[in-house]
Amino acid sequence: MPIITLRLELYKPTKAKQEMYERMTEWNTEFANWLWHHPE
């Protein structure tokens, strides 16, 4: 099964925004992969 990786674009990035977007990307990637592998 392939793994899904999600990337978010940053608009006028700051350190705080970049850290939050990285966390959001990790959470969304984990959720997308969980959903992909979840039995119906």
N, C-alpha and C. Protein backbone atom coordinates (compact mmCIF):
# COMPACT_ATOMS: atom_id res chain seq x y z
N MET A 1 0.84 -1.20 0.00
CA MET A 1 0.00 0.00 0.00
C MET A 1 0.88 1.25 0.00
N PRO A 2 0.62 2.19 -0.87
CA PRO A 2 1.42 3.42 -0.89
C PRO A 2 1.12 4.30 0.32
N ILE A 3 2.08 5.13 0.65
CA ILE A 3 1.93 6.09 1.75
C ILE A 3 1.64 7.46 1.15
N ILE A 4 0.67 8.15 1.72
CA ILE A 4 0.29 9.49 1.25
C ILE A 4 1.06 10.53 2.06
N THR A 5 1.65 11.49 1.39
CA THR A 5 2.31 12.60 2.07
C THR A 5 1.64 13.89 1.63
N LEU A 6 1.22 14.70 2.59
CA LEU A 6 0.57 15.97 2.29
C LEU A 6 1.52 17.12 2.60
N ARG A 7 1.53 18.12 1.74
CA ARG A 7 2.37 19.31 1.95
C ARG A 7 1.47 20.54 1.90
N LEU A 8 1.73 21.47 2.77
CA LEU A 8 0.97 22.72 2.80
C LEU A 8 1.86 23.87 2.37
N GLU A 9 1.31 24.79 1.59
CA GLU A 9 2.05 25.97 1.17
C GLU A 9 1.98 27.03 2.28
N LEU A 10 3.06 27.73 2.51
CA LEU A 10 3.09 28.80 3.51
C LEU A 10 3.00 30.15 2.81
N TYR A 11 2.14 31.02 3.32
CA TYR A 11 2.03 32.38 2.81
C TYR A 11 2.69 33.30 3.82
N LYS A 12 3.72 34.03 3.42
CA LYS A 12 4.51 34.89 4.31
C LYS A 12 4.93 34.12 5.56
N PRO A 13 5.79 33.12 5.40
CA PRO A 13 6.14 32.26 6.54
C PRO A 13 6.88 32.99 7.66
N THR A 14 6.52 32.66 8.87
CA THR A 14 7.26 33.08 10.06
C THR A 14 7.65 31.79 10.77
N LYS A 15 8.52 31.87 11.76
CA LYS A 15 8.94 30.66 12.46
C LYS A 15 7.75 29.97 13.13
N ALA A 16 6.88 30.73 13.79
CA ALA A 16 5.71 30.14 14.45
C ALA A 16 4.77 29.49 13.43
N LYS A 17 4.51 30.20 12.32
CA LYS A 17 3.64 29.64 11.28
C LYS A 17 4.24 28.37 10.70
N GLN A 18 5.55 28.40 10.46
CA GLN A 18 6.21 27.24 9.87
C GLN A 18 6.11 26.04 10.80
N GLU A 19 6.33 26.25 12.11
CA GLU A 19 6.23 25.15 13.07
C GLU A 19 4.81 24.59 13.12
N MET A 20 3.80 25.48 13.14
CA MET A 20 2.41 25.02 13.18
C MET A 20 2.05 24.27 11.90
N TYR A 21 2.47 24.79 10.75
CA TYR A 21 2.17 24.12 9.48
C TYR A 21 2.85 22.76 9.40
N GLU A 22 4.07 22.66 9.94
CA GLU A 22 4.75 21.36 9.95
C GLU A 22 3.98 20.37 10.80
N ARG A 23 3.50 20.81 11.98
CA ARG A 23 2.70 19.94 12.84
C ARG A 23 1.40 19.54 12.15
N MET A 24 0.73 20.52 11.52
CA MET A 24 -0.52 20.23 10.82
C MET A 24 -0.28 19.23 9.68
N THR A 25 0.83 19.40 8.96
CA THR A 25 1.16 18.49 7.87
C THR A 25 1.37 17.08 8.40
N GLU A 26 2.09 16.96 9.52
CA GLU A 26 2.31 15.64 10.12
C GLU A 26 0.98 15.00 10.54
N TRP A 27 0.12 15.78 11.22
CA TRP A 27 -1.17 15.24 11.66
C TRP A 27 -2.03 14.82 10.47
N ASN A 28 -2.09 15.67 9.45
CA ASN A 28 -2.90 15.35 8.27
C ASN A 28 -2.35 14.14 7.53
N THR A 29 -1.03 14.03 7.46
CA THR A 29 -0.41 12.88 6.80
C THR A 29 -0.73 11.60 7.57
N GLU A 30 -0.59 11.66 8.90
CA GLU A 30 -0.90 10.49 9.73
C GLU A 30 -2.36 10.10 9.58
N PHE A 31 -3.26 11.07 9.60
CA PHE A 31 -4.68 10.77 9.46
C PHE A 31 -5.00 10.19 8.09
N ALA A 32 -4.42 10.78 7.03
CA ALA A 32 -4.67 10.29 5.67
C ALA A 32 -4.20 8.84 5.53
N ASN A 33 -3.04 8.53 6.09
CA ASN A 33 -2.53 7.16 6.02
C ASN A 33 -3.37 6.21 6.86
N TRP A 34 -3.81 6.65 8.04
CA TRP A 34 -4.70 5.83 8.86
C TRP A 34 -5.98 5.54 8.09
N LEU A 35 -6.57 6.57 7.48
CA LEU A 35 -7.81 6.42 6.73
C LEU A 35 -7.61 5.49 5.54
N TRP A 36 -6.48 5.63 4.86
CA TRP A 36 -6.16 4.80 3.69
C TRP A 36 -6.13 3.32 4.07
N HIS A 37 -5.54 3.01 5.25
CA HIS A 37 -5.37 1.62 5.69
C HIS A 37 -6.54 1.11 6.52
N HIS A 38 -7.47 1.96 6.86
CA HIS A 38 -8.59 1.58 7.72
C HIS A 38 -9.56 0.70 6.95
N PRO A 39 -9.92 -0.46 7.51
CA PRO A 39 -10.90 -1.30 6.81
C PRO A 39 -12.29 -0.65 6.82
N GLU A 40 -13.04 -0.91 5.78
CA GLU A 40 -14.38 -0.30 5.67
C GLU A 40 -15.36 -0.94 6.62
